[in-house]
Structure formats: C-alpha cells, structure tokens
C-alpha cells in the first residue's frame, strides 16, 4: 500500500519548502533543488532572460491552480 504522506524539503537556493519531486541542479553537482529553481536553471541555460523566466513561471503557476 502506498504511503500518502508528503515529505517537505527546503530548497538550498531559494529557501522555499516544497513537496514535489525535486530537480537536480545544473550548477551545483548532486544538489536537489525545488522544481521552480530547476525551471529557472534550465531556462537560464538556454539564454532566456530573467524577465521572460518570470512570465513563464507565472504561466506555469496559473495552469496548476
């Protein structure tokens, strides 16, 4: 039987608590980060400017809720 408890983690980059599956940092080897920081690192790695990153993340949050 599956245990439905959620383990909260704290992101070492932004300090946010999250219960989703962690992302693996592209910048810091073997470091698990929150999904939002994972998205930011991925977008940054392909050259998306910070203001566009915010718009993308805002759209993701809207689609979840």
N, C-alpha and C. Protein backbone atom coordinates (compact mmCIF):
# COMPACT_ATOMS: atom_id res chain seq x y z
N UNK A 1 0.84 -1.18 0.00
CA UNK A 1 0.00 0.00 0.00
C UNK A 1 0.89 1.24 0.00
N UNK A 2 0.51 2.22 -0.78
CA UNK A 2 1.29 3.46 -0.90
C UNK A 2 1.03 4.38 0.28
N UNK A 3 2.10 4.96 0.80
CA UNK A 3 2.00 5.93 1.89
C UNK A 3 1.75 7.30 1.29
N UNK A 4 0.68 7.97 1.69
CA UNK A 4 0.30 9.26 1.10
C UNK A 4 0.88 10.47 1.83
N UNK A 5 1.86 10.27 2.68
CA UNK A 5 2.45 11.41 3.38
C UNK A 5 3.40 12.14 2.44
N UNK A 6 3.42 13.45 2.56
CA UNK A 6 4.29 14.28 1.74
C UNK A 6 5.48 14.73 2.58
N UNK A 7 6.66 14.52 2.06
CA UNK A 7 7.87 14.97 2.73
C UNK A 7 8.20 16.37 2.22
N UNK A 8 8.26 17.31 3.13
CA UNK A 8 8.64 18.66 2.73
C UNK A 8 10.15 18.80 2.75
N UNK A 9 10.65 19.40 1.72
CA UNK A 9 12.08 19.67 1.60
C UNK A 9 12.26 21.18 1.54
N UNK A 10 13.45 21.64 1.85
CA UNK A 10 13.76 23.06 1.73
C UNK A 10 14.80 23.23 0.63
N UNK A 11 14.51 24.09 -0.32
CA UNK A 11 15.41 24.34 -1.44
C UNK A 11 16.64 25.11 -0.94
N UNK A 12 17.84 24.62 -1.23
CA UNK A 12 19.04 25.32 -0.78
C UNK A 12 19.32 26.62 -1.55
N UNK A 13 18.63 26.81 -2.67
CA UNK A 13 18.86 28.03 -3.46
C UNK A 13 17.93 29.17 -3.05
N UNK A 14 16.64 28.87 -2.92
CA UNK A 14 15.68 29.94 -2.65
C UNK A 14 15.07 29.88 -1.25
N UNK A 15 15.27 28.76 -0.56
CA UNK A 15 14.74 28.61 0.79
C UNK A 15 13.29 28.19 0.87
N UNK A 16 12.64 27.99 -0.27
CA UNK A 16 11.22 27.60 -0.28
C UNK A 16 11.07 26.14 0.15
N UNK A 17 9.97 25.86 0.82
CA UNK A 17 9.63 24.48 1.14
C UNK A 17 8.75 23.94 0.02
N UNK A 18 9.00 22.69 -0.36
CA UNK A 18 8.23 22.08 -1.44
C UNK A 18 8.04 20.60 -1.17
N UNK A 19 6.98 20.04 -1.72
CA UNK A 19 6.69 18.63 -1.56
C UNK A 19 6.73 17.85 -2.85
N UNK A 20 6.95 18.56 -3.95
CA UNK A 20 7.02 17.91 -5.27
C UNK A 20 8.35 17.16 -5.43
N UNK A 21 8.46 16.47 -6.52
CA UNK A 21 9.71 15.78 -6.86
C UNK A 21 10.79 16.84 -7.09
N UNK A 22 11.96 16.68 -6.47
CA UNK A 22 13.00 17.70 -6.64
C UNK A 22 13.63 17.65 -8.03
N UNK A 23 14.25 18.76 -8.39
CA UNK A 23 15.04 18.84 -9.62
C UNK A 23 16.50 18.69 -9.22
N UNK A 24 17.31 18.24 -10.14
CA UNK A 24 18.75 18.14 -9.91
C UNK A 24 19.40 19.38 -10.49
N UNK A 25 20.12 20.11 -9.66
CA UNK A 25 20.72 21.37 -10.10
C UNK A 25 21.71 21.16 -11.23
N UNK A 26 21.69 22.05 -12.19
CA UNK A 26 22.66 22.05 -13.28
C UNK A 26 23.95 22.73 -12.86
N UNK A 27 23.86 23.61 -11.86
CA UNK A 27 25.02 24.40 -11.42
C UNK A 27 25.81 23.75 -10.29
N UNK A 28 25.10 23.06 -9.40
CA UNK A 28 25.71 22.51 -8.20
C UNK A 28 25.56 20.99 -8.22
N UNK A 29 26.64 20.27 -8.48
CA UNK A 29 26.57 18.81 -8.63
C UNK A 29 25.93 18.13 -7.41
N UNK A 30 25.11 17.14 -7.70
CA UNK A 30 24.46 16.30 -6.68
C UNK A 30 23.62 17.10 -5.69
N UNK A 31 23.05 18.21 -6.13
CA UNK A 31 22.22 19.04 -5.26
C UNK A 31 20.79 19.04 -5.77
N UNK A 32 19.86 18.65 -4.90
CA UNK A 32 18.45 18.67 -5.25
C UNK A 32 17.88 20.04 -4.90
N UNK A 33 17.11 20.58 -5.83
CA UNK A 33 16.52 21.91 -5.66
C UNK A 33 15.02 21.82 -5.96
N UNK A 34 14.29 22.88 -5.61
CA UNK A 34 12.86 22.87 -5.86
C UNK A 34 12.59 22.91 -7.38
N UNK A 35 11.43 22.44 -7.78
CA UNK A 35 11.11 22.44 -9.21
C UNK A 35 11.20 23.83 -9.85
N UNK A 36 10.81 24.87 -9.12
CA UNK A 36 10.86 26.22 -9.69
C UNK A 36 12.29 26.65 -9.97
N UNK A 37 13.21 26.39 -9.05
CA UNK A 37 14.61 26.72 -9.29
C UNK A 37 15.17 25.86 -10.43
N UNK A 38 14.68 24.63 -10.54
CA UNK A 38 15.09 23.77 -11.65
C UNK A 38 14.67 24.36 -12.99
N UNK A 39 13.45 24.89 -13.03
CA UNK A 39 12.97 25.54 -14.26
C UNK A 39 13.82 26.77 -14.56
N UNK A 40 14.10 27.56 -13.54
CA UNK A 40 14.92 28.76 -13.74
C UNK A 40 16.31 28.41 -14.29
N UNK A 41 16.94 27.39 -13.71
CA UNK A 41 18.26 26.98 -14.19
C UNK A 41 18.20 26.49 -15.64
N UNK A 42 17.15 25.74 -15.97
CA UNK A 42 17.01 25.23 -17.34
C UNK A 42 16.82 26.38 -18.32
N UNK A 43 15.94 27.32 -17.98
CA UNK A 43 15.70 28.46 -18.86
C UNK A 43 16.95 29.33 -19.00
N UNK A 44 17.65 29.53 -17.90
CA UNK A 44 18.89 30.31 -17.93
C UNK A 44 19.93 29.64 -18.83
N UNK A 45 19.97 28.30 -18.79
CA UNK A 45 20.97 27.57 -19.57
C UNK A 45 20.77 27.71 -21.08
N UNK A 46 19.54 28.06 -21.49
CA UNK A 46 19.29 28.26 -22.92
C UNK A 46 19.16 29.74 -23.27
N UNK A 47 19.54 30.60 -22.32
CA UNK A 47 19.63 32.03 -22.62
C UNK A 47 18.35 32.83 -22.47
N UNK A 48 17.35 32.30 -21.76
CA UNK A 48 16.11 33.04 -21.56
C UNK A 48 16.36 34.13 -20.51
N UNK A 49 16.07 35.40 -20.83
CA UNK A 49 16.30 36.49 -19.88
C UNK A 49 15.41 36.36 -18.63
N UNK A 50 15.85 36.96 -17.52
CA UNK A 50 15.16 36.84 -16.24
C UNK A 50 13.70 37.29 -16.31
N UNK A 51 13.41 38.37 -17.03
CA UNK A 51 12.03 38.85 -17.11
C UNK A 51 11.13 37.85 -17.83
N UNK A 52 11.66 37.19 -18.85
CA UNK A 52 10.90 36.16 -19.56
C UNK A 52 10.72 34.92 -18.69
N UNK A 53 11.74 34.59 -17.89
CA UNK A 53 11.64 33.46 -16.97
C UNK A 53 10.47 33.66 -16.01
N UNK A 54 10.33 34.89 -15.50
CA UNK A 54 9.24 35.20 -14.57
C UNK A 54 7.89 34.99 -15.24
N UNK A 55 7.76 35.43 -16.49
CA UNK A 55 6.50 35.25 -17.21
C UNK A 55 6.18 33.78 -17.41
N UNK A 56 7.18 32.99 -17.74
CA UNK A 56 6.99 31.55 -17.95
C UNK A 56 6.57 30.87 -16.66
N UNK A 57 7.27 31.18 -15.58
CA UNK A 57 6.94 30.58 -14.29
C UNK A 57 5.56 30.99 -13.82
N UNK A 58 5.19 32.24 -14.05
CA UNK A 58 3.85 32.72 -13.69
C UNK A 58 2.78 31.93 -14.47
N UNK A 59 3.03 31.68 -15.74
CA UNK A 59 2.10 30.91 -16.56
C UNK A 59 1.98 29.48 -16.04
N UNK A 60 3.08 28.89 -15.63
CA UNK A 60 3.06 27.53 -15.08
C UNK A 60 2.22 27.50 -13.81
N UNK A 61 2.41 28.47 -12.94
CA UNK A 61 1.64 28.53 -11.69
C UNK A 61 0.14 28.69 -11.97
N UNK A 62 -0.21 29.50 -12.95
CA UNK A 62 -1.61 29.69 -13.29
C UNK A 62 -2.24 28.40 -13.80
N UNK A 63 -1.49 27.63 -14.56
CA UNK A 63 -2.03 26.39 -15.13
C UNK A 63 -2.21 25.30 -14.08
N UNK A 64 -1.48 25.38 -12.98
CA UNK A 64 -1.59 24.38 -11.90
C UNK A 64 -2.79 24.64 -11.00
N UNK A 65 -3.20 25.90 -10.89
CA UNK A 65 -4.18 26.24 -9.89
C UNK A 65 -5.52 26.47 -10.34
